[in-house]
Amino acid sequence: MAKPFGESRALPEVLDVNVEKIRSSAFRPRSGLDETKLAALSRSIRRLGLIHAVLLRPSESGFEIVVGGRRVQAARRAGISSLPAVIRNMSDREVLETILTENIQREEMTDVDRGRICRILKDKFPDEYPDNSTIANKLGYSEAEVKTWVSLVEEAPREVQQLVAAPVQGPRGLGVPKGKISSDVAIGIIRKIKEPSRQIQVAKKLAERPVPVRMARQIIREVAKRPERPLERIIGKVVDTPSAIPFSKHHAELISKGIKTQTSRKGIDPRWKAGAIVPAAITQFADLRIVDVARKKLADFTDEDAAREGGYTLNEFKKVWIGLHSEWNPNETVTVIRFRVHRLV
């Protein structure tokens, strides 16, 4: 049981609170929990105890979770009877603001979860949060971000919302787990495809067959343009059609002369694989046979890499890269494609 609390807005000390006195928030935004991560957190708490205190507010029957719902659930699974907590008297508006800002900073929420909080803020507190712009300004996010979050809640069918994954660091959307889609893909679906049943069909199919965001957008455009065409046929055509690799006019000339035999890209495409023949384009000037595809940090590039990129020294190649991408980040991992000319067009 926690020590008695007074009328002050916050008690800075950490109190020991019986888990039986803690209930979930009425404003739980999270659409789901990762069972694997929850089990791992539970094992950690069983061994080490709960290191970081949760944030609670008083309720009629005890305390309500503001921040730390995963930790409370994991502690219950671990058989922990009490846990450290900070108790604050907070209004509903303060709870929602705290949930949104803290979870975005520290926990994996989906953009659908964020959109639900924004909707609640607008519905419950219209004077303080009349529109997306106000939410963005008050909570420190861009209006475009907030608009995306709210659009997913207001426009996407429930079945599509349930497929949206939490943001993942990965190359061009490939970090999204199988069975899920990125919020970018979900937004593309609801903006380009008007029929809800077709939106659900496309979202489910893209969740089953993960592809890079760029390829998913191409599939969505084709579905929108040709609604009568079977979805499997559209996906097959996009996935199986060789993906052109664009080059500048200067690099096209170097390829034609046999000087450039390698190209490095920020993105990744599953159609770029050893043995594949792909068109090289400004307008198409050659077909290239891919010899090898690898992921490599810029810090690991060698003089040999620079020479294959177009007869450059390493310092010259760095300048070329910066000209194209604004910066040379040694820790960035890129896709390195080695090729030879199969046919000049």
Foldseek 3Di string as FASTA:
>chain_A
DWDDDDDDQWDPDKTKFFLVQEDEDPLDLAPDDDPVVLQVLLVVCLVPNDDDAFEWEADPRHTYGLGDPSVSVSVVVNVNGIHIYIYGHDDPLRSLLCSLLVCVVPHFGALLSNLSSLVCCCVVPCPQRVDLCSVCVVNVHDSVSNVLSVCCNPQAPPLLVSQAGGDDDDFQFPRRAQSHGHSLLLVLLRVQPPDNVVSNVLRRVCSNPPFGPVLSSQLSNVCSVCVPDDSVVSSCCSLVAADEAEDDPVQVVLQVVVFAFKDKASHDGPSQAAQHWHFYDPPTFFIKGWHHKDKDFLLPDAQVNQRNRRHDGNVVVQVVVCVVVVHRDRRRIIMMTGIHTPTTD
